Amino acid sequence: MSSGYSSLEEDAEDFFFTARTSFFRRAPQGKPRAGQPDVEKEKETHNYLSKEEIKEKIHKYNLAVTDKLKMTLNSNGTYTGFIKVHMELCRAPQTAPGPGSSDCLNTLHISSANTVREVIEALLKKFLVTESPSKFALYKRCHREDQVYACKLSDREHPLYLRLVAGPRTDTLSFVLREHEIGEWEAFSLPELQNFLRILDKEEDDQLQSLKRRYAAYRLRLEDALRAVWKPD
């Protein structure tokens, strides 16, 4: 593993950014652990946060930071901070002459206006990857109740807001860069695929039980109706 640092503000003049998310598979509706934020719930309020609310969230975030990678609120309401991205590529990407890596952790300094697309482009530029950014996707990996949930982020989403909502702990939320041209399912690890199967099994069982209850209730109503109209001689 190797690590690196780069800044969108340094690497590109037009990189500037805020977020929304959807799970690849619907996550269970269980409550998050005590002390952990419910990212799925808080993301819905993003478009309605005032400058004061953002300021309060940034203050709480910075109090929890342990690696000095704090966020800074700007006078115009945007804010800057850091995200760490794991590059988990199945094969070494095509690179221009110079250093390249298919398995590393990179720290990016970004703005709350930077999108997922811009983050991907910055990472590829950092590692001199010459392949098209459309061949790659940024994933959000969430840990909840001893299970891991993976979600491919859309190009318009904003990683720094997700980082702010989740807090600085990477065991709660982390970002992963992967190739998605190989297919949706192949982009996930074995534990993540097993997790999806458990979710599907639970959903299937819930649907089956719901159908049984519906038909049992319908049967009772039919029997009641028959008893009301049928009278023995």
C-alpha atoms as a PDB file:
ATOM      1  CA  MET A   1       0.000   0.000   0.000  1.00  0.00           C
ATOM      2  CA  SER A   2       1.171   3.500  -0.656  1.00  0.00           C
ATOM      3  CA  SER A   3      -0.309   6.850   0.174  1.00  0.00           C
ATOM      4  CA  GLY A   4      -0.324  10.215  -1.494  1.00  0.00           C
ATOM      5  CA  TYR A   5      -1.710  13.720  -1.135  1.00  0.00           C
ATOM      6  CA  SER A   6      -3.108  15.987  -3.783  1.00  0.00           C
ATOM      7  CA  SER A   7      -5.443  18.940  -4.007  1.00  0.00           C
ATOM      8  CA  LEU A   8      -8.125  19.708  -6.557  1.00  0.00           C
ATOM      9  CA  GLU A   9      -7.360  23.353  -5.972  1.00  0.00           C
ATOM     10  CA  GLU A  10      -3.759  22.700  -7.048  1.00  0.00           C
ATOM     11  CA  ASP A  11      -4.367  20.166  -9.814  1.00  0.00           C
ATOM     12  CA  ALA A  12      -7.084  21.963 -11.757  1.00  0.00           C
ATOM     13  CA  GLU A  13      -8.338  25.512 -11.929  1.00  0.00           C
ATOM     14  CA  ASP A  14     -11.962  24.665 -12.674  1.00  0.00           C
ATOM     15  CA  PHE A  15     -12.446  22.111  -9.886  1.00  0.00           C
ATOM     16  CA  PHE A  16     -14.856  23.573  -7.434  1.00  0.00           C
ATOM     17  CA  PHE A  17     -18.189  21.864  -5.190  1.00  0.00           C
ATOM     18  CA  THR A  18     -21.933  19.643  -2.481  1.00  0.00           C
ATOM     19  CA  ALA A  19     -24.081  15.728  -2.305  1.00  0.00           C
ATOM     20  CA  ARG A  20     -26.768  13.056  -2.571  1.00  0.00           C
ATOM     21  CA  THR A  21     -26.588   9.215  -2.611  1.00  0.00           C
ATOM     22  CA  SER A  22     -28.394   5.949  -3.401  1.00  0.00           C
ATOM     23  CA  PHE A  23     -27.364   2.423  -2.414  1.00  0.00           C
ATOM     24  CA  PHE A  24     -26.679  -0.103  -5.149  1.00  0.00           C
ATOM     25  CA  ARG A  25     -28.929  -2.406  -3.181  1.00  0.00           C
ATOM     26  CA  ARG A  26     -31.411  -1.054  -0.697  1.00  0.00           C
ATOM     27  CA  ALA A  27     -29.891  -1.250   2.771  1.00  0.00           C
ATOM     28  CA  PRO A  28     -31.845  -2.754   5.665  1.00  0.00           C
ATOM     29  CA  GLN A  29     -33.933  -0.299   7.610  1.00  0.00           C
ATOM     30  CA  GLY A  30     -32.150  -0.980  10.899  1.00  0.00           C
ATOM     31  CA  LYS A  31     -31.031   1.880  13.078  1.00  0.00           C
ATOM     32  CA  PRO A  32     -27.365   2.895  13.021  1.00  0.00           C
ATOM     33  CA  ARG A  33     -25.188   2.150  16.002  1.00  0.00           C
ATOM     34  CA  ALA A  34     -25.266   4.518  18.916  1.00  0.00           C
ATOM     35  CA  GLY A  35     -22.882   7.380  18.299  1.00  0.00           C
ATOM     36  CA  GLN A  36     -22.833   6.849  14.515  1.00  0.00           C
ATOM     37  CA  PRO A  37     -24.684   9.264  12.189  1.00  0.00           C
ATOM     38  CA  ASP A  38     -27.463   8.021   9.951  1.00  0.00           C
ATOM     39  CA  VAL A  39     -25.956   9.103   6.626  1.00  0.00           C
ATOM     40  CA  GLU A  40     -28.963   7.961   4.607  1.00  0.00           C
ATOM     41  CA  LYS A  41     -31.284  10.170   6.682  1.00  0.00           C
ATOM     42  CA  GLU A  42     -29.061  13.227   6.968  1.00  0.00           C
ATOM     43  CA  LYS A  43     -28.244  13.335   3.249  1.00  0.00           C
ATOM     44  CA  GLU A  44     -31.871  14.270   2.547  1.00  0.00           C
ATOM     45  CA  THR A  45     -31.462  17.562   4.415  1.00  0.00           C
ATOM     46  CA  HIS A  46     -28.438  18.666   2.412  1.00  0.00           C
ATOM     47  CA  ASN A  47     -30.251  21.039   0.094  1.00  0.00           C
ATOM     48  CA  TYR A  48     -31.858  22.780   3.063  1.00  0.00           C
ATOM     49  CA  LEU A  49     -28.881  23.320   5.345  1.00  0.00           C
ATOM     50  CA  SER A  50     -28.249  26.933   6.245  1.00  0.00           C
ATOM     51  CA  LYS A  51     -24.784  28.413   6.579  1.00  0.00           C
ATOM     52  CA  GLU A  52     -25.131  28.280  10.361  1.00  0.00           C
ATOM     53  CA  GLU A  53     -26.096  24.595  10.263  1.00  0.00           C
ATOM     54  CA  ILE A  54     -23.103  23.812   8.065  1.00  0.00           C
ATOM     55  CA  LYS A  55     -20.894  25.821  10.417  1.00  0.00           C
ATOM     56  CA  GLU A  56     -22.127  23.777  13.381  1.00  0.00           C
ATOM     57  CA  LYS A  57     -21.532  20.481  11.555  1.00  0.00           C
ATOM     58  CA  ILE A  58     -18.009  21.551  10.591  1.00  0.00           C
ATOM     59  CA  HIS A  59     -17.301  22.542  14.202  1.00  0.00           C
ATOM     60  CA  LYS A  60     -18.394  19.110  15.466  1.00  0.00           C
ATOM     61  CA  TYR A  61     -16.442  17.418  12.691  1.00  0.00           C
ATOM     62  CA  ASN A  62     -13.223  19.254  13.549  1.00  0.00           C
ATOM     63  CA  LEU A  63     -13.609  18.367  17.232  1.00  0.00           C
ATOM     64  CA  ALA A  64     -13.668  14.688  16.259  1.00  0.00           C
ATOM     65  CA  VAL A  65     -10.680  14.853  13.888  1.00  0.00           C
ATOM     66  CA  THR A  66      -7.591  12.962  15.062  1.00  0.00           C
ATOM     67  CA  ASP A  67      -5.266  13.380  12.053  1.00  0.00           C
ATOM     68  CA  LYS A  68      -5.332  17.196  11.725  1.00  0.00           C
ATOM     69  CA  LEU A  69      -7.252  16.957   8.414  1.00  0.00           C
ATOM     70  CA  LYS A  70      -9.894  19.512   9.375  1.00  0.00           C
ATOM     71  CA  MET A  71     -12.517  21.316   7.318  1.00  0.00           C
ATOM     72  CA  THR A  72     -12.632  25.068   6.726  1.00  0.00           C
ATOM     73  CA  LEU A  73     -15.777  27.140   6.132  1.00  0.00           C
ATOM     74  CA  ASN A  74     -15.426  29.906   3.553  1.00  0.00           C
ATOM     75  CA  SER A  75     -17.191  33.274   3.656  1.00  0.00           C
ATOM     76  CA  ASN A  76     -19.323  32.360   0.611  1.00  0.00           C
ATOM     77  CA  GLY A  77     -20.803  29.318   2.360  1.00  0.00           C
ATOM     78  CA  THR A  78     -18.662  26.679   0.646  1.00  0.00           C
ATOM     79  CA  TYR A  79     -16.150  24.684   2.648  1.00  0.00           C
ATOM     80  CA  THR A  80     -12.959  22.744   2.013  1.00  0.00           C
ATOM     81  CA  GLY A  81     -11.580  19.596   3.562  1.00  0.00           C
ATOM     82  CA  PHE A  82      -9.993  16.222   2.932  1.00  0.00           C
ATOM     83  CA  ILE A  83     -11.180  12.822   1.761  1.00  0.00           C
ATOM     84  CA  LYS A  84      -9.177   9.603   1.536  1.00  0.00           C
ATOM     85  CA  VAL A  85      -9.798   7.381  -1.467  1.00  0.00           C
ATOM     86  CA  HIS A  86      -8.720   3.751  -1.828  1.00  0.00           C
ATOM     87  CA  MET A  87      -7.820   2.871  -5.420  1.00  0.00           C
ATOM     88  CA  GLU A  88      -8.906  -0.752  -5.785  1.00  0.00           C
ATOM     89  CA  LEU A  89      -8.285  -1.565  -9.427  1.00  0.00           C
ATOM     90  CA  CYS A  90      -8.533  -5.122 -10.765  1.00  0.00           C
ATOM     91  CA  ARG A  91      -5.662  -4.531 -13.140  1.00  0.00           C
ATOM     92  CA  ALA A  92      -2.935  -1.968 -13.555  1.00  0.00           C
ATOM     93  CA  PRO A  93      -4.432   0.911 -15.570  1.00  0.00           C
ATOM     94  CA  GLN A  94      -2.785   2.347 -18.665  1.00  0.00           C
ATOM     95  CA  THR A  95      -0.505   5.114 -17.516  1.00  0.00           C
ATOM     96  CA  ALA A  96       1.683   7.699 -19.133  1.00  0.00           C
ATOM     97  CA  PRO A  97       5.448   7.365 -18.524  1.00  0.00           C
ATOM     98  CA  GLY A  98       5.988   7.854 -14.822  1.00  0.00           C
ATOM     99  CA  PRO A  99       4.729   6.391 -11.519  1.00  0.00           C
ATOM    100  CA  GLY A 100       1.416   4.558 -11.443  1.00  0.00           C
ATOM    101  CA  SER A 101      -0.453   2.442  -8.934  1.00  0.00           C
ATOM    102  CA  SER A 102      -3.338  -0.015  -8.871  1.00  0.00           C
ATOM    103  CA  ASP A 103      -3.581  -0.335  -5.087  1.00  0.00           C
ATOM    104  CA  CYS A 104      -3.039   2.752  -2.930  1.00  0.00           C
ATOM    105  CA  LEU A 105      -4.625   5.272  -0.597  1.00  0.00           C
ATOM    106  CA  ASN A 106      -4.696   8.889  -1.721  1.00  0.00           C
ATOM    107  CA  THR A 107      -5.690  11.959   0.270  1.00  0.00           C
ATOM    108  CA  LEU A 108      -7.451  14.703  -1.672  1.00  0.00           C
ATOM    109  CA  HIS A 109      -8.029  18.285  -0.568  1.00  0.00           C
ATOM    110  CA  ILE A 110     -11.348  19.302  -2.112  1.00  0.00           C
ATOM    111  CA  SER A 111     -14.175  21.806  -1.891  1.00  0.00           C
ATOM    112  CA  SER A 112     -17.833  21.250  -1.039  1.00  0.00           C
ATOM    113  CA  ALA A 113     -18.567  22.145  -4.671  1.00  0.00           C
ATOM    114  CA  ASN A 114     -16.452  19.363  -6.203  1.00  0.00           C
ATOM    115  CA  THR A 115     -18.378  16.472  -7.702  1.00  0.00           C
ATOM    116  CA  VAL A 116     -17.622  12.763  -7.874  1.00  0.00           C
ATOM    117  CA  ARG A 117     -16.699  13.204 -11.532  1.00  0.00           C
ATOM    118  CA  GLU A 118     -14.110  15.838 -10.634  1.00  0.00           C
ATOM    119  CA  VAL A 119     -12.663  13.657  -7.877  1.00  0.00           C
ATOM    120  CA  ILE A 120     -12.254  10.744 -10.315  1.00  0.00           C
ATOM    121  CA  GLU A 121     -10.578  12.994 -12.875  1.00  0.00           C
ATOM    122  CA  ALA A 122      -8.228  14.394 -10.229  1.00  0.00           C
ATOM    123  CA  LEU A 123      -7.210  10.898  -9.062  1.00  0.00           C
ATOM    124  CA  LEU A 124      -6.534   9.713 -12.597  1.00  0.00           C
ATOM    125  CA  LYS A 125      -4.508  12.838 -13.283  1.00  0.00           C
ATOM    126  CA  LYS A 126      -2.572  12.360 -10.031  1.00  0.00           C
ATOM    127  CA  PHE A 127      -1.523   8.846 -11.036  1.00  0.00           C
ATOM    128  CA  LEU A 128      -1.033   9.690 -14.719  1.00  0.00           C
ATOM    129  CA  VAL A 129      -3.783   7.312 -15.816  1.00  0.00           C
ATOM    130  CA  THR A 130      -4.490   7.826 -19.510  1.00  0.00           C
ATOM    131  CA  GLU A 131      -7.716   5.787 -19.673  1.00  0.00           C
ATOM    132  CA  SER A 132     -11.080   7.537 -19.907  1.00  0.00           C
ATOM    133  CA  PRO A 133     -12.648   8.619 -16.583  1.00  0.00           C
ATOM    134  CA  SER A 134     -15.876   7.000 -17.791  1.00  0.00           C
ATOM    135  CA  LYS A 135     -14.269   3.602 -17.155  1.00  0.00           C
ATOM    136  CA  PHE A 136     -14.054   4.314 -13.420  1.00  0.00           C
ATOM    137  CA  ALA A 137     -16.538   4.863 -10.619  1.00  0.00           C
ATOM    138  CA  LEU A 138     -16.337   6.149  -7.060  1.00  0.00           C
ATOM    139  CA  TYR A 139     -17.998   4.001  -4.420  1.00  0.00           C
ATOM    140  CA  LYS A 140     -19.120   4.821  -0.903  1.00  0.00           C
ATOM    141  CA  ARG A 141     -18.496   2.030   1.589  1.00  0.00           C
ATOM    142  CA  CYS A 142     -20.556   2.215   4.803  1.00  0.00           C
ATOM    143  CA  HIS A 143     -20.186   0.108   7.933  1.00  0.00           C
ATOM    144  CA  ARG A 144     -23.322  -0.448   9.956  1.00  0.00           C
ATOM    145  CA  GLU A 145     -24.186  -3.090  12.556  1.00  0.00           C
ATOM    146  CA  ASP A 146     -21.097  -5.198  11.724  1.00  0.00           C
ATOM    147  CA  GLN A 147     -22.027  -5.267   8.034  1.00  0.00           C
ATOM    148  CA  VAL A 148     -20.598  -3.488   5.018  1.00  0.00           C
ATOM    149  CA  TYR A 149     -22.711  -1.755   2.376  1.00  0.00           C
ATOM    150  CA  ALA A 150     -21.313  -0.500  -0.923  1.00  0.00           C
ATOM    151  CA  CYS A 151     -22.852   2.201  -3.082  1.00  0.00           C
ATOM    152  CA  LYS A 152     -21.751   3.547  -6.450  1.00  0.00           C
ATOM    153  CA  LEU A 153     -22.017   7.332  -6.385  1.00  0.00           C
ATOM    154  CA  SER A 154     -23.377   9.279  -9.319  1.00  0.00           C
ATOM    155  CA  ASP A 155     -21.122  11.763 -11.095  1.00  0.00           C
ATOM    156  CA  ARG A 156     -23.028  14.735  -9.635  1.00  0.00           C
ATOM    157  CA  GLU A 157     -22.733  13.761  -5.984  1.00  0.00           C
ATOM    158  CA  HIS A 158     -20.391  15.584  -3.628  1.00  0.00           C
ATOM    159  CA  PRO A 159     -17.987  13.486  -1.531  1.00  0.00           C
ATOM    160  CA  LEU A 160     -17.033  16.192   0.974  1.00  0.00           C
ATOM    161  CA  TYR A 161     -20.626  16.594   2.142  1.00  0.00           C
ATOM    162  CA  LEU A 162     -20.870  12.820   2.665  1.00  0.00           C
ATOM    163  CA  ARG A 163     -17.627  13.008   4.641  1.00  0.00           C
ATOM    164  CA  LEU A 164     -19.003  15.869   6.746  1.00  0.00           C
ATOM    165  CA  VAL A 165     -22.236  14.026   7.565  1.00  0.00           C
ATOM    166  CA  ALA A 166     -20.501  10.739   8.401  1.00  0.00           C
ATOM    167  CA  GLY A 167     -17.734  12.346  10.431  1.00  0.00           C
ATOM    168  CA  PRO A 168     -13.980  11.797  10.077  1.00  0.00           C
ATOM    169  CA  ARG A 169     -13.948   8.095  11.007  1.00  0.00           C
ATOM    170  CA  THR A 170     -13.112   5.949   7.966  1.00  0.00           C
ATOM    171  CA  ASP A 171     -14.522   2.856   9.674  1.00  0.00           C
ATOM    172  CA  THR A 172     -17.935   4.539   9.358  1.00  0.00           C
ATOM    173  CA  LEU A 173     -17.557   5.777   5.788  1.00  0.00           C
ATOM    174  CA  SER A 174     -14.806   5.337   3.216  1.00  0.00           C
ATOM    175  CA  PHE A 175     -14.386   6.004  -0.508  1.00  0.00           C
ATOM    176  CA  VAL A 176     -13.147   3.528  -3.105  1.00  0.00           C
ATOM    177  CA  LEU A 177     -12.205   4.071  -6.758  1.00  0.00           C
ATOM    178  CA  ARG A 178     -12.947   1.057  -8.956  1.00  0.00           C
ATOM    179  CA  GLU A 179     -13.342   0.176 -12.599  1.00  0.00           C
ATOM    180  CA  HIS A 180     -16.982  -0.375 -13.479  1.00  0.00           C
ATOM    181  CA  GLU A 181     -16.600  -1.509 -17.104  1.00  0.00           C
ATOM    182  CA  ILE A 182     -16.220  -5.128 -15.898  1.00  0.00           C
ATOM    183  CA  GLY A 183     -19.825  -5.181 -14.696  1.00  0.00           C
ATOM    184  CA  GLU A 184     -21.743  -4.033 -11.637  1.00  0.00           C
ATOM    185  CA  TRP A 185     -21.503  -7.244  -9.593  1.00  0.00           C
ATOM    186  CA  GLU A 186     -17.848  -7.958 -10.341  1.00  0.00           C
ATOM    187  CA  ALA A 187     -16.919  -4.573  -8.899  1.00  0.00           C
ATOM    188  CA  PHE A 188     -17.780  -5.763  -5.377  1.00  0.00           C
ATOM    189  CA  SER A 189     -15.765  -7.886  -2.968  1.00  0.00           C
ATOM    190  CA  LEU A 190     -16.905 -11.332  -1.814  1.00  0.00           C
ATOM    191  CA  PRO A 191     -18.100 -10.078   1.635  1.00  0.00           C
ATOM    192  CA  GLU A 192     -20.140  -7.355  -0.077  1.00  0.00           C
ATOM    193  CA  LEU A 193     -21.738  -9.873  -2.480  1.00  0.00           C
ATOM    194  CA  GLN A 194     -22.549 -12.186   0.436  1.00  0.00           C
ATOM    195  CA  ASN A 195     -24.099  -9.216   2.183  1.00  0.00           C
ATOM    196  CA  PHE A 196     -26.302  -8.517  -0.851  1.00  0.00           C
ATOM    197  CA  LEU A 197     -27.446 -12.152  -0.831  1.00  0.00           C
ATOM    198  CA  ARG A 198     -28.435 -11.871   2.836  1.00  0.00           C
ATOM    199  CA  ILE A 199     -30.398  -8.718   2.053  1.00  0.00           C
ATOM    200  CA  LEU A 200     -32.131 -10.420  -0.896  1.00  0.00           C
ATOM    201  CA  ASP A 201     -32.959 -13.474   1.221  1.00  0.00           C
ATOM    202  CA  LYS A 202     -34.483 -11.253   3.914  1.00  0.00           C
ATOM    203  CA  GLU A 203     -36.488  -9.275   1.349  1.00  0.00           C
ATOM    204  CA  GLU A 204     -37.729 -12.511  -0.243  1.00  0.00           C
ATOM    205  CA  ASP A 205     -38.805 -13.895   3.140  1.00  0.00           C
ATOM    206  CA  ASP A 206     -40.518 -10.615   4.069  1.00  0.00           C
ATOM    207  CA  GLN A 207     -42.434 -10.615   0.765  1.00  0.00           C
ATOM    208  CA  LEU A 208     -43.445 -14.266   1.242  1.00  0.00           C
ATOM    209  CA  GLN A 209     -44.714 -13.630   4.775  1.00  0.00           C
ATOM    210  CA  SER A 210     -46.606 -10.555   3.583  1.00  0.00           C
ATOM    211  CA  LEU A 211     -48.329 -12.563   0.825  1.00  0.00           C
ATOM    212  CA  LYS A 212     -49.257 -15.303   3.286  1.00  0.00           C
ATOM    213  CA  ARG A 213     -50.820 -12.755   5.637  1.00  0.00           C
ATOM    214  CA  ARG A 214     -52.766 -11.115   2.798  1.00  0.00           C
ATOM    215  CA  TYR A 215     -54.190 -14.389   1.512  1.00  0.00           C
ATOM    216  CA  ALA A 216     -54.982 -15.625   5.017  1.00  0.00           C
ATOM    217  CA  ALA A 217     -56.954 -12.425   5.671  1.00  0.00           C
ATOM    218  CA  TYR A 218     -58.692 -12.751   2.291  1.00  0.00           C
ATOM    219  CA  ARG A 219     -59.616 -16.369   3.088  1.00  0.00           C
ATOM    220  CA  LEU A 220     -61.148 -15.330   6.408  1.00  0.00           C
ATOM    221  CA  ARG A 221     -63.250 -12.648   4.703  1.00  0.00           C
ATOM    222  CA  LEU A 222     -64.503 -15.156   2.124  1.00  0.00           C
ATOM    223  CA  GLU A 223     -65.398 -17.670   4.833  1.00  0.00           C
ATOM    224  CA  ASP A 224     -67.253 -14.961   6.774  1.00  0.00           C
ATOM    225  CA  ALA A 225     -69.146 -13.985   3.627  1.00  0.00           C
ATOM    226  CA  LEU A 226     -70.078 -17.589   2.910  1.00  0.00           C
ATOM    227  CA  ARG A 227     -71.340 -18.109   6.442  1.00  0.00           C
ATOM    228  CA  ALA A 228     -73.458 -14.953   6.153  1.00  0.00           C
ATOM    229  CA  VAL A 229     -75.265 -16.066   3.024  1.00  0.00           C
ATOM    230  CA  TRP A 230     -75.374 -19.828   3.505  1.00  0.00           C
ATOM    231  CA  LYS A 231     -77.925 -21.209   5.912  1.00  0.00           C
ATOM    232  CA  PRO A 232     -78.328 -24.972   6.366  1.00  0.00           C
ATOM    233  CA  ASP A 233     -81.864 -26.388   5.819  1.00  0.00           C
END
